[in-house]
C-alpha atoms as a PDB file:
ATOM      1  CA  MET A   1    -219.757 -12.823-141.441  1.00  0.00           C
ATOM      2  CA  ASN A   2    -220.868 -14.511-138.259  1.00  0.00           C
ATOM      3  CA  THR A   3    -219.197 -14.051-134.880  1.00  0.00           C
ATOM      4  CA  THR A   4    -218.199 -17.712-134.422  1.00  0.00           C
ATOM      5  CA  MET A   5    -216.250 -18.537-137.534  1.00  0.00           C
ATOM      6  CA  THR A   6    -214.538 -21.869-138.123  1.00  0.00           C
ATOM      7  CA  LEU A   7    -211.567 -22.315-140.412  1.00  0.00           C
ATOM      8  CA  SER A   8    -213.710 -24.577-142.608  1.00  0.00           C
ATOM      9  CA  THR A   9    -216.414 -21.928-143.026  1.00  0.00           C
ATOM     10  CA  LEU A  10    -213.897 -19.144-143.679  1.00  0.00           C
ATOM     11  CA  THR A  11    -212.001 -21.073-146.353  1.00  0.00           C
ATOM     12  CA  ALA A  12    -215.287 -22.028-148.035  1.00  0.00           C
ATOM     13  CA  LEU A  13    -216.444 -18.379-148.047  1.00  0.00           C
ATOM     14  CA  THR A  14    -213.184 -16.946-149.357  1.00  0.00           C
ATOM     15  CA  GLY A  15    -211.915 -19.710-151.625  1.00  0.00           C
ATOM     16  CA  LEU A  16    -208.513 -19.486-149.908  1.00  0.00           C
ATOM     17  CA  GLU A  17    -206.832 -22.733-148.904  1.00  0.00           C
ATOM     18  CA  VAL A  18    -204.927 -23.831-145.820  1.00  0.00           C
ATOM     19  CA  PHE A  19    -202.749 -26.903-145.339  1.00  0.00           C
ATOM     20  CA  ASP A  20    -204.492 -30.221-144.700  1.00  0.00           C
ATOM     21  CA  TYR A  21    -202.899 -30.752-141.298  1.00  0.00           C
ATOM     22  CA  LEU A  22    -204.835 -27.806-139.799  1.00  0.00           C
ATOM     23  CA  ASP A  23    -208.035 -28.567-137.874  1.00  0.00           C
ATOM     24  CA  ARG A  24    -210.726 -26.931-139.994  1.00  0.00           C
ATOM     25  CA  GLN A  25    -213.389 -27.244-137.287  1.00  0.00           C
ATOM     26  CA  VAL A  26    -211.509 -24.982-134.881  1.00  0.00           C
ATOM     27  CA  SER A  27    -213.150 -21.654-134.018  1.00  0.00           C
ATOM     28  CA  ILE A  28    -211.042 -18.691-135.104  1.00  0.00           C
ATOM     29  CA  PRO A  29    -210.136 -16.381-132.213  1.00  0.00           C
ATOM     30  CA  VAL A  30    -211.034 -12.708-132.615  1.00  0.00           C
ATOM     31  CA  VAL A  31    -208.655 -10.256-130.938  1.00  0.00           C
ATOM     32  CA  ASP A  32    -209.012  -6.491-130.437  1.00  0.00           C
ATOM     33  CA  GLY A  33    -205.405  -5.987-129.348  1.00  0.00           C
ATOM     34  CA  LEU A  34    -201.915  -6.855-130.438  1.00  0.00           C
ATOM     35  CA  GLN A  35    -201.579 -10.118-132.379  1.00  0.00           C
ATOM     36  CA  ALA A  36    -199.079 -11.790-134.658  1.00  0.00           C
ATOM     37  CA  GLN A  37    -199.249 -14.314-137.461  1.00  0.00           C
ATOM     38  CA  GLY A  38    -195.877 -15.564-138.644  1.00  0.00           C
ATOM     39  CA  ASP A  39    -193.930 -12.558-139.911  1.00  0.00           C
ATOM     40  CA  LEU A  40    -196.912 -10.158-139.656  1.00  0.00           C
ATOM     41  CA  ILE A  41    -198.032  -8.160-136.648  1.00  0.00           C
ATOM     42  CA  VAL A  42    -201.380  -6.425-136.093  1.00  0.00           C
ATOM     43  CA  ILE A  43    -201.222  -3.409-133.779  1.00  0.00           C
ATOM     44  CA  PRO A  44    -204.105  -1.187-132.685  1.00  0.00           C
ATOM     45  CA  HIS A  45    -203.549   2.213-134.315  1.00  0.00           C
ATOM     46  CA  SER A  46    -203.839   3.928-130.920  1.00  0.00           C
ATOM     47  CA  ILE A  47    -200.492   2.329-129.964  1.00  0.00           C
ATOM     48  CA  VAL A  48    -198.660   3.457-133.128  1.00  0.00           C
ATOM     49  CA  LYS A  49    -200.146   6.880-133.803  1.00  0.00           C
ATOM     50  CA  HIS A  50    -197.043   7.881-135.783  1.00  0.00           C
ATOM     51  CA  VAL A  51    -198.202   5.634-138.677  1.00  0.00           C
ATOM     52  CA  ALA A  52    -200.391   7.699-141.004  1.00  0.00           C
ATOM     53  CA  ALA A  53    -201.757   8.001-144.515  1.00  0.00           C
ATOM     54  CA  MET A  54    -199.773  10.060-147.019  1.00  0.00           C
ATOM     55  CA  GLN A  55    -200.749  12.034-150.093  1.00  0.00           C
ATOM     56  CA  ASP A  56    -200.226   8.971-152.326  1.00  0.00           C
ATOM     57  CA  THR A  57    -201.919   6.481-149.974  1.00  0.00           C
ATOM     58  CA  ARG A  58    -204.600   4.480-151.742  1.00  0.00           C
ATOM     59  CA  THR A  59    -207.617   3.170-149.823  1.00  0.00           C
ATOM     60  CA  ASP A  60    -209.504   0.146-151.174  1.00  0.00           C
ATOM     61  CA  ASP A  61    -212.327  -2.063-149.967  1.00  0.00           C
ATOM     62  CA  VAL A  62    -211.121  -5.448-148.739  1.00  0.00           C
ATOM     63  CA  PRO A  63    -212.997  -8.134-150.691  1.00  0.00           C
ATOM     64  CA  LEU A  64    -214.121 -11.444-149.259  1.00  0.00           C
ATOM     65  CA  THR A  65    -211.688 -13.088-151.706  1.00  0.00           C
ATOM     66  CA  GLY A  66    -208.842 -11.271-149.964  1.00  0.00           C
ATOM     67  CA  VAL A  67    -205.972  -8.865-150.376  1.00  0.00           C
ATOM     68  CA  GLU A  68    -202.501 -10.389-150.314  1.00  0.00           C
ATOM     69  CA  LEU A  69    -200.510  -8.407-147.741  1.00  0.00           C
ATOM     70  CA  LEU A  70    -197.243 -10.284-147.720  1.00  0.00           C
ATOM     71  CA  ARG A  71    -195.751 -13.414-149.211  1.00  0.00           C
ATOM     72  CA  SER A  72    -193.407 -15.507-147.105  1.00  0.00           C
ATOM     73  CA  ALA A  73    -189.660 -15.362-147.496  1.00  0.00           C
ATOM     74  CA  ALA A  74    -188.567 -16.964-150.780  1.00  0.00           C
ATOM     75  CA  GLY A  75    -191.956 -16.248-152.388  1.00  0.00           C
ATOM     76  CA  GLY A  76    -193.899 -18.953-150.548  1.00  0.00           C
ATOM     77  CA  ASN A  77    -197.260 -18.769-148.848  1.00  0.00           C
ATOM     78  CA  PRO A  78    -199.222 -15.502-148.726  1.00  0.00           C
ATOM     79  CA  HIS A  79    -200.801 -13.733-145.761  1.00  0.00           C
ATOM     80  CA  SER A  80    -204.218 -12.601-146.996  1.00  0.00           C
ATOM     81  CA  LEU A  81    -206.590 -10.127-145.382  1.00  0.00           C
ATOM     82  CA  VAL A  82    -210.294 -10.933-145.908  1.00  0.00           C
ATOM     83  CA  CYS A  83    -213.479  -9.230-144.843  1.00  0.00           C
ATOM     84  CA  GLU A  84    -217.141  -8.968-145.656  1.00  0.00           C
ATOM     85  CA  ALA A  85    -217.236  -6.888-148.839  1.00  0.00           C
ATOM     86  CA  GLY A  86    -217.634  -3.154-148.272  1.00  0.00           C
ATOM     87  CA  ARG A  87    -217.073  -3.298-144.514  1.00  0.00           C
ATOM     88  CA  CYS A  88    -213.252  -2.996-144.348  1.00  0.00           C
ATOM     89  CA  LYS A  89    -210.781  -0.558-145.881  1.00  0.00           C
ATOM     90  CA  TRP A  90    -207.082  -1.209-146.539  1.00  0.00           C
ATOM     91  CA  SER A  91    -204.834   1.849-146.978  1.00  0.00           C
ATOM     92  CA  THR A  92    -201.323   1.567-148.373  1.00  0.00           C
ATOM     93  CA  PRO A  93    -198.582   2.792-148.625  1.00  0.00           C
ATOM     94  CA  VAL A  94    -198.433   4.617-145.303  1.00  0.00           C
ATOM     95  CA  PHE A  95    -195.906   6.811-143.514  1.00  0.00           C
ATOM     96  CA  ASP A  96    -193.993   4.855-140.869  1.00  0.00           C
ATOM     97  CA  PRO A  97    -190.608   6.022-139.575  1.00  0.00           C
ATOM     98  CA  SER A  98    -189.693   2.403-138.719  1.00  0.00           C
ATOM     99  CA  GLY A  99    -190.427   1.224-142.266  1.00  0.00           C
ATOM    100  CA  LEU A 100    -192.310  -1.851-140.998  1.00  0.00           C
ATOM    101  CA  ALA A 101    -195.951  -0.866-141.615  1.00  0.00           C
ATOM    102  CA  LEU A 102    -197.577  -2.383-144.689  1.00  0.00           C
ATOM    103  CA  GLY A 103    -200.806  -0.444-144.272  1.00  0.00           C
ATOM    104  CA  ILE A 104    -203.730   0.623-142.122  1.00  0.00           C
ATOM    105  CA  LEU A 105    -206.869  -1.472-141.716  1.00  0.00           C
ATOM    106  CA  ASP A 106    -210.175   0.206-140.842  1.00  0.00           C
ATOM    107  CA  THR A 107    -212.874  -2.378-140.198  1.00  0.00           C
ATOM    108  CA  GLU A 108    -216.513  -2.164-139.110  1.00  0.00           C
ATOM    109  CA  VAL A 109    -216.793  -5.948-138.692  1.00  0.00           C
ATOM    110  CA  THR A 110    -214.436  -8.812-137.901  1.00  0.00           C
ATOM    111  CA  ALA A 111    -211.689  -9.105-140.510  1.00  0.00           C
ATOM    112  CA  TYR A 112    -209.455 -12.175-140.859  1.00  0.00           C
ATOM    113  CA  LEU A 113    -205.839 -12.907-141.701  1.00  0.00           C
ATOM    114  CA  ILE A 114    -205.449 -16.248-143.480  1.00  0.00           C
ATOM    115  CA  HIS A 115    -202.187 -18.078-144.105  1.00  0.00           C
ATOM    116  CA  PRO A 116    -201.920 -21.619-145.509  1.00  0.00           C
ATOM    117  CA  GLU A 117    -199.557 -22.766-142.723  1.00  0.00           C
ATOM    118  CA  HIS A 118    -200.941 -20.806-139.761  1.00  0.00           C
ATOM    119  CA  GLY A 119    -204.679 -20.947-140.426  1.00  0.00           C
ATOM    120  CA  ALA A 120    -206.569 -17.777-139.549  1.00  0.00           C
ATOM    121  CA  THR A 121    -206.877 -15.115-136.878  1.00  0.00           C
ATOM    122  CA  GLY A 122    -209.719 -12.658-136.405  1.00  0.00           C
ATOM    123  CA  ILE A 123    -209.332  -8.896-136.050  1.00  0.00           C
ATOM    124  CA  ALA A 124    -212.117  -7.161-134.099  1.00  0.00           C
ATOM    125  CA  PRO A 125    -213.712  -3.990-135.493  1.00  0.00           C
ATOM    126  CA  GLY A 126    -211.449  -0.944-135.214  1.00  0.00           C
ATOM    127  CA  ARG A 127    -208.367   0.683-136.733  1.00  0.00           C
ATOM    128  CA  TYR A 128    -205.092  -1.245-136.939  1.00  0.00           C
ATOM    129  CA  VAL A 129    -201.624  -1.031-138.415  1.00  0.00           C
ATOM    130  CA  ILE A 130    -200.486  -4.248-140.054  1.00  0.00           C
ATOM    131  CA  GLY A 131    -196.777  -4.591-140.593  1.00  0.00           C
ATOM    132  CA  ARG A 132    -193.701  -6.750-140.623  1.00  0.00           C
ATOM    133  CA  GLN A 133    -192.181  -8.083-137.419  1.00  0.00           C
ATOM    134  CA  ARG A 134    -188.528  -7.756-136.618  1.00  0.00           C
ATOM    135  CA  GLU A 135    -186.403  -9.603-134.108  1.00  0.00           C
ATOM    136  CA  ARG A 136    -183.046  -9.106-132.496  1.00  0.00           C
ATOM    137  CA  GLY A 137    -180.159 -11.014-133.963  1.00  0.00           C
ATOM    138  CA  VAL A 138    -178.453 -13.802-132.061  1.00  0.00           C
ATOM    139  CA  GLY A 139    -174.807 -14.622-131.428  1.00  0.00           C
ATOM    140  CA  ARG A 140    -172.362 -12.029-132.576  1.00  0.00           C
ATOM    141  CA  TYR A 141    -175.201 -10.089-134.214  1.00  0.00           C
ATOM    142  CA  PHE A 142    -177.165  -9.790-130.953  1.00  0.00           C
ATOM    143  CA  HIS A 143    -177.518  -6.019-131.218  1.00  0.00           C
ATOM    144  CA  SER A 144    -178.778  -6.076-134.782  1.00  0.00           C
ATOM    145  CA  ALA A 145    -182.407  -6.366-135.826  1.00  0.00           C
ATOM    146  CA  ARG A 146    -183.772  -8.342-138.752  1.00  0.00           C
ATOM    147  CA  LEU A 147    -187.174  -9.010-140.257  1.00  0.00           C
ATOM    148  CA  VAL A 148    -188.891 -12.164-139.076  1.00  0.00           C
ATOM    149  CA  ALA A 149    -188.817 -14.714-141.899  1.00  0.00           C
ATOM    150  CA  ASP A 150    -191.877 -16.953-142.036  1.00  0.00           C
END
């Protein structure tokens, strides 16, 4: 995949759709650090070294057509990970004491997260943990934590 990817080009390559109100001519930013998309968070593995593969972890190539990582609350829109075939690996399940990690991404090229509502974000080459986000509760539940619902 090229280094300056538009949402239009990415959706045409992958066959995944986004909502009509999104500007398809926008260039997708590529980030090599912490980033979030709705209820997902992408963290460089060097920050969360305690997340690791286990004996039953399965590692698969990420196809250009995508791997669904998470579906929104109430079974809605999916977050899909896409990459040039054979250049990215997705490993899941993984050991994570916090229970938030969905898996580990190892990518040689830019990978992308696509979501129908949010569009796409680019993930620079490297090793990342992709997981759920959580937030502190509000009001009388201020000291509690809950998963972010997208």
